[in-house]
Protein backbone atom coordinates (compact mmCIF):
# COMPACT_ATOMS: atom_id res chain seq x y z
CA UNK A 1 0.00 0.00 0.00
CA UNK A 2 1.07 3.55 -0.75
CA UNK A 3 0.15 6.09 1.93
CA UNK A 4 -0.01 9.78 1.11
CA UNK A 5 0.70 11.76 4.30
CA UNK A 6 -0.33 15.37 3.96
CA UNK A 7 0.43 17.96 6.65
CA UNK A 8 -1.16 21.37 6.34
CA UNK A 9 -0.26 24.24 8.64
CA UNK A 10 -3.21 26.61 8.98
CA UNK A 11 -2.88 30.27 9.92
CA UNK A 12 -3.42 30.79 13.66
CA UNK A 13 -7.05 31.46 14.51
CA UNK A 14 -8.39 29.91 11.30
CA UNK A 15 -8.24 26.18 12.07
CA UNK A 16 -11.92 25.84 13.00
CA UNK A 17 -13.06 27.79 9.91
CA UNK A 18 -10.76 25.77 7.63
CA UNK A 19 -12.04 22.46 9.01
CA UNK A 20 -15.65 23.57 8.51
CA UNK A 21 -15.02 24.51 4.87
CA UNK A 22 -13.09 21.29 4.27
CA UNK A 23 -15.71 19.06 5.92
CA UNK A 24 -18.60 20.53 3.96
CA UNK A 25 -16.94 21.16 0.58
CA UNK A 26 -13.63 19.29 0.25
CA UNK A 27 -14.13 15.98 2.02
CA UNK A 28 -17.24 14.91 0.07
CA UNK A 29 -15.35 15.34 -3.22
CA UNK A 30 -12.31 13.48 -1.95
CA UNK A 31 -14.49 10.64 -0.73
CA UNK A 32 -16.00 10.36 -4.22
CA UNK A 33 -12.59 10.02 -5.84
CA UNK A 34 -10.16 8.56 -3.30
CA UNK A 35 -12.42 7.10 -0.60
CA UNK A 36 -12.27 7.74 3.12
CA UNK A 37 -8.97 8.89 4.60
CA UNK A 38 -7.02 6.35 6.64
CA UNK A 39 -6.93 9.06 9.30
CA UNK A 40 -7.41 12.80 9.78
CA UNK A 41 -5.72 14.41 12.76
CA UNK A 42 -5.26 17.80 14.43
CA UNK A 43 -2.01 18.60 16.26
CA UNK A 44 -2.20 18.87 20.04
CA UNK A 45 1.48 19.15 20.99
CA UNK A 46 4.46 20.48 19.05
CA UNK A 47 3.74 22.66 16.05
CA UNK A 48 0.14 23.77 16.42
CA UNK A 49 -2.54 24.60 13.85
CA UNK A 50 -1.70 21.54 11.79
CA UNK A 51 -3.93 18.96 10.19
CA UNK A 52 -2.43 15.67 9.13
CA UNK A 53 -4.37 13.43 6.79
CA UNK A 54 -3.46 10.01 5.45
CA UNK A 55 -4.81 8.58 2.20
CA UNK A 56 -4.28 5.01 1.04
CA UNK A 57 -3.70 3.84 -2.53
CA UNK A 58 -2.73 0.53 -4.14
CA UNK A 59 0.31 2.15 -5.76
CA UNK A 60 1.56 5.35 -7.42
CA UNK A 61 -0.49 4.77 -10.58
CA UNK A 62 -3.67 4.36 -8.53
CA UNK A 63 -2.92 7.60 -6.67
CA UNK A 64 -2.17 9.46 -9.88
CA UNK A 65 -5.35 8.37 -11.67
CA UNK A 66 -7.65 9.05 -8.70
CA UNK A 67 -6.16 12.45 -7.99
CA UNK A 68 -6.25 13.40 -11.68
CA UNK A 69 -9.98 12.62 -11.79
CA UNK A 70 -10.52 14.66 -8.62
CA UNK A 71 -8.63 17.65 -10.02
CA UNK A 72 -11.08 17.74 -12.97
CA UNK A 73 -14.18 17.59 -10.76
CA UNK A 74 -16.02 20.96 -10.81
CA UNK A 75 -16.84 20.60 -7.10
CA UNK A 76 -13.12 20.20 -6.28
CA UNK A 77 -12.25 23.21 -8.44
CA UNK A 78 -14.85 25.23 -6.52
CA UNK A 79 -13.51 23.99 -3.17
CA UNK A 80 -9.98 25.02 -4.16
CA UNK A 81 -11.28 28.53 -4.88
CA UNK A 82 -12.75 28.67 -1.36
CA UNK A 83 -9.36 27.72 0.13
CA UNK A 84 -7.14 29.57 -2.35
CA UNK A 85 -3.48 30.10 -1.51
CA UNK A 86 -2.95 32.18 1.58
CA UNK A 87 -6.56 32.16 2.74
CA UNK A 88 -6.32 29.38 5.33
CA UNK A 89 -3.21 27.33 4.65
CA UNK A 90 0.19 28.72 5.48
CA UNK A 91 2.24 25.67 4.43
CA UNK A 92 1.66 22.24 2.88
CA UNK A 93 3.88 19.18 3.16
CA UNK A 94 3.39 15.88 1.39
CA UNK A 95 5.11 12.55 1.92
CA UNK A 96 4.54 9.21 0.18
CA UNK A 97 5.40 6.07 2.12
CA UNK A 98 4.91 2.36 1.42
CA UNK A 99 3.89 -0.35 3.84
CA UNK A 100 6.55 -2.55 5.39
CA UNK A 101 6.07 -6.21 4.35
CA UNK A 102 4.63 -7.11 7.78
CA UNK A 103 2.39 -4.04 8.16
CA UNK A 104 -1.33 -4.62 8.57
CA UNK A 105 -2.03 -1.73 6.20
C-alpha atoms as a PDB file:
ATOM      1  CA  UNK A   1       0.000   0.000   0.000  1.00  0.00           C
ATOM      2  CA  UNK A   2       1.074   3.553  -0.748  1.00  0.00           C
ATOM      3  CA  UNK A   3       0.154   6.086   1.932  1.00  0.00           C
ATOM      4  CA  UNK A   4      -0.014   9.782   1.105  1.00  0.00           C
ATOM      5  CA  UNK A   5       0.704  11.755   4.300  1.00  0.00           C
ATOM      6  CA  UNK A   6      -0.332  15.374   3.959  1.00  0.00           C
ATOM      7  CA  UNK A   7       0.425  17.958   6.648  1.00  0.00           C
ATOM      8  CA  UNK A   8      -1.161  21.373   6.343  1.00  0.00           C
ATOM      9  CA  UNK A   9      -0.263  24.239   8.644  1.00  0.00           C
ATOM     10  CA  UNK A  10      -3.205  26.606   8.980  1.00  0.00           C
ATOM     11  CA  UNK A  11      -2.877  30.273   9.917  1.00  0.00           C
ATOM     12  CA  UNK A  12      -3.420  30.788  13.664  1.00  0.00           C
ATOM     13  CA  UNK A  13      -7.046  31.463  14.509  1.00  0.00           C
ATOM     14  CA  UNK A  14      -8.385  29.908  11.296  1.00  0.00           C
ATOM     15  CA  UNK A  15      -8.243  26.183  12.066  1.00  0.00           C
ATOM     16  CA  UNK A  16     -11.922  25.842  12.997  1.00  0.00           C
ATOM     17  CA  UNK A  17     -13.058  27.791   9.913  1.00  0.00           C
ATOM     18  CA  UNK A  18     -10.761  25.768   7.630  1.00  0.00           C
ATOM     19  CA  UNK A  19     -12.035  22.459   9.015  1.00  0.00           C
ATOM     20  CA  UNK A  20     -15.648  23.570   8.509  1.00  0.00           C
ATOM     21  CA  UNK A  21     -15.015  24.508   4.868  1.00  0.00           C
ATOM     22  CA  UNK A  22     -13.093  21.294   4.271  1.00  0.00           C
ATOM     23  CA  UNK A  23     -15.706  19.058   5.915  1.00  0.00           C
ATOM     24  CA  UNK A  24     -18.599  20.533   3.964  1.00  0.00           C
ATOM     25  CA  UNK A  25     -16.936  21.162   0.578  1.00  0.00           C
ATOM     26  CA  UNK A  26     -13.628  19.290   0.247  1.00  0.00           C
ATOM     27  CA  UNK A  27     -14.127  15.976   2.022  1.00  0.00           C
ATOM     28  CA  UNK A  28     -17.236  14.914   0.068  1.00  0.00           C
ATOM     29  CA  UNK A  29     -15.347  15.341  -3.224  1.00  0.00           C
ATOM     30  CA  UNK A  30     -12.305  13.479  -1.949  1.00  0.00           C
ATOM     31  CA  UNK A  31     -14.494  10.636  -0.731  1.00  0.00           C
ATOM     32  CA  UNK A  32     -16.003  10.356  -4.217  1.00  0.00           C
ATOM     33  CA  UNK A  33     -12.592  10.017  -5.844  1.00  0.00           C
ATOM     34  CA  UNK A  34     -10.161   8.561  -3.299  1.00  0.00           C
ATOM     35  CA  UNK A  35     -12.417   7.103  -0.603  1.00  0.00           C
ATOM     36  CA  UNK A  36     -12.272   7.741   3.119  1.00  0.00           C
ATOM     37  CA  UNK A  37      -8.970   8.887   4.600  1.00  0.00           C
ATOM     38  CA  UNK A  38      -7.021   6.352   6.643  1.00  0.00           C
ATOM     39  CA  UNK A  39      -6.927   9.059   9.304  1.00  0.00           C
ATOM     40  CA  UNK A  40      -7.414  12.796   9.778  1.00  0.00           C
ATOM     41  CA  UNK A  41      -5.719  14.410  12.758  1.00  0.00           C
ATOM     42  CA  UNK A  42      -5.262  17.800  14.427  1.00  0.00           C
ATOM     43  CA  UNK A  43      -2.015  18.596  16.256  1.00  0.00           C
ATOM     44  CA  UNK A  44      -2.203  18.872  20.037  1.00  0.00           C
ATOM     45  CA  UNK A  45       1.478  19.154  20.989  1.00  0.00           C
ATOM     46  CA  UNK A  46       4.456  20.480  19.054  1.00  0.00           C
ATOM     47  CA  UNK A  47       3.744  22.656  16.054  1.00  0.00           C
ATOM     48  CA  UNK A  48       0.136  23.767  16.422  1.00  0.00           C
ATOM     49  CA  UNK A  49      -2.539  24.600  13.854  1.00  0.00           C
ATOM     50  CA  UNK A  50      -1.701  21.535  11.792  1.00  0.00           C
ATOM     51  CA  UNK A  51      -3.934  18.965  10.192  1.00  0.00           C
ATOM     52  CA  UNK A  52      -2.427  15.667   9.130  1.00  0.00           C
ATOM     53  CA  UNK A  53      -4.369  13.429   6.794  1.00  0.00           C
ATOM     54  CA  UNK A  54      -3.457  10.010   5.455  1.00  0.00           C
ATOM     55  CA  UNK A  55      -4.808   8.582   2.201  1.00  0.00           C
ATOM     56  CA  UNK A  56      -4.281   5.012   1.041  1.00  0.00           C
ATOM     57  CA  UNK A  57      -3.696   3.836  -2.528  1.00  0.00           C
ATOM     58  CA  UNK A  58      -2.733   0.533  -4.142  1.00  0.00           C
ATOM     59  CA  UNK A  59       0.309   2.148  -5.760  1.00  0.00           C
ATOM     60  CA  UNK A  60       1.557   5.347  -7.423  1.00  0.00           C
ATOM     61  CA  UNK A  61      -0.486   4.770 -10.580  1.00  0.00           C
ATOM     62  CA  UNK A  62      -3.673   4.364  -8.529  1.00  0.00           C
ATOM     63  CA  UNK A  63      -2.922   7.596  -6.671  1.00  0.00           C
ATOM     64  CA  UNK A  64      -2.167   9.464  -9.881  1.00  0.00           C
ATOM     65  CA  UNK A  65      -5.353   8.373 -11.671  1.00  0.00           C
ATOM     66  CA  UNK A  66      -7.646   9.050  -8.702  1.00  0.00           C
ATOM     67  CA  UNK A  67      -6.155  12.454  -7.988  1.00  0.00           C
ATOM     68  CA  UNK A  68      -6.253  13.405 -11.684  1.00  0.00           C
ATOM     69  CA  UNK A  69      -9.982  12.625 -11.787  1.00  0.00           C
ATOM     70  CA  UNK A  70     -10.524  14.663  -8.617  1.00  0.00           C
ATOM     71  CA  UNK A  71      -8.629  17.650 -10.024  1.00  0.00           C
ATOM     72  CA  UNK A  72     -11.079  17.742 -12.974  1.00  0.00           C
ATOM     73  CA  UNK A  73     -14.180  17.591 -10.757  1.00  0.00           C
ATOM     74  CA  UNK A  74     -16.020  20.962 -10.813  1.00  0.00           C
ATOM     75  CA  UNK A  75     -16.842  20.597  -7.103  1.00  0.00           C
ATOM     76  CA  UNK A  76     -13.116  20.201  -6.283  1.00  0.00           C
ATOM     77  CA  UNK A  77     -12.255  23.210  -8.435  1.00  0.00           C
ATOM     78  CA  UNK A  78     -14.850  25.229  -6.517  1.00  0.00           C
ATOM     79  CA  UNK A  79     -13.510  23.990  -3.170  1.00  0.00           C
ATOM     80  CA  UNK A  80      -9.982  25.022  -4.156  1.00  0.00           C
ATOM     81  CA  UNK A  81     -11.278  28.531  -4.882  1.00  0.00           C
ATOM     82  CA  UNK A  82     -12.748  28.667  -1.357  1.00  0.00           C
ATOM     83  CA  UNK A  83      -9.363  27.718   0.127  1.00  0.00           C
ATOM     84  CA  UNK A  84      -7.139  29.567  -2.355  1.00  0.00           C
ATOM     85  CA  UNK A  85      -3.475  30.099  -1.513  1.00  0.00           C
ATOM     86  CA  UNK A  86      -2.946  32.183   1.579  1.00  0.00           C
ATOM     87  CA  UNK A  87      -6.563  32.163   2.736  1.00  0.00           C
ATOM     88  CA  UNK A  88      -6.318  29.380   5.328  1.00  0.00           C
ATOM     89  CA  UNK A  89      -3.214  27.333   4.647  1.00  0.00           C
ATOM     90  CA  UNK A  90       0.192  28.716   5.485  1.00  0.00           C
ATOM     91  CA  UNK A  91       2.236  25.670   4.428  1.00  0.00           C
ATOM     92  CA  UNK A  92       1.656  22.238   2.877  1.00  0.00           C
ATOM     93  CA  UNK A  93       3.883  19.179   3.160  1.00  0.00           C
ATOM     94  CA  UNK A  94       3.390  15.884   1.390  1.00  0.00           C
ATOM     95  CA  UNK A  95       5.109  12.548   1.919  1.00  0.00           C
ATOM     96  CA  UNK A  96       4.541   9.215   0.176  1.00  0.00           C
ATOM     97  CA  UNK A  97       5.399   6.066   2.122  1.00  0.00           C
ATOM     98  CA  UNK A  98       4.908   2.360   1.416  1.00  0.00           C
ATOM     99  CA  UNK A  99       3.885  -0.355   3.844  1.00  0.00           C
ATOM    100  CA  UNK A 100       6.548  -2.548   5.388  1.00  0.00           C
ATOM    101  CA  UNK A 101       6.071  -6.208   4.355  1.00  0.00           C
ATOM    102  CA  UNK A 102       4.630  -7.114   7.784  1.00  0.00           C
ATOM    103  CA  UNK A 103       2.393  -4.039   8.162  1.00  0.00           C
ATOM    104  CA  UNK A 104      -1.332  -4.617   8.569  1.00  0.00           C
ATOM    105  CA  UNK A 105      -2.035  -1.730   6.202  1.00  0.00           C
END
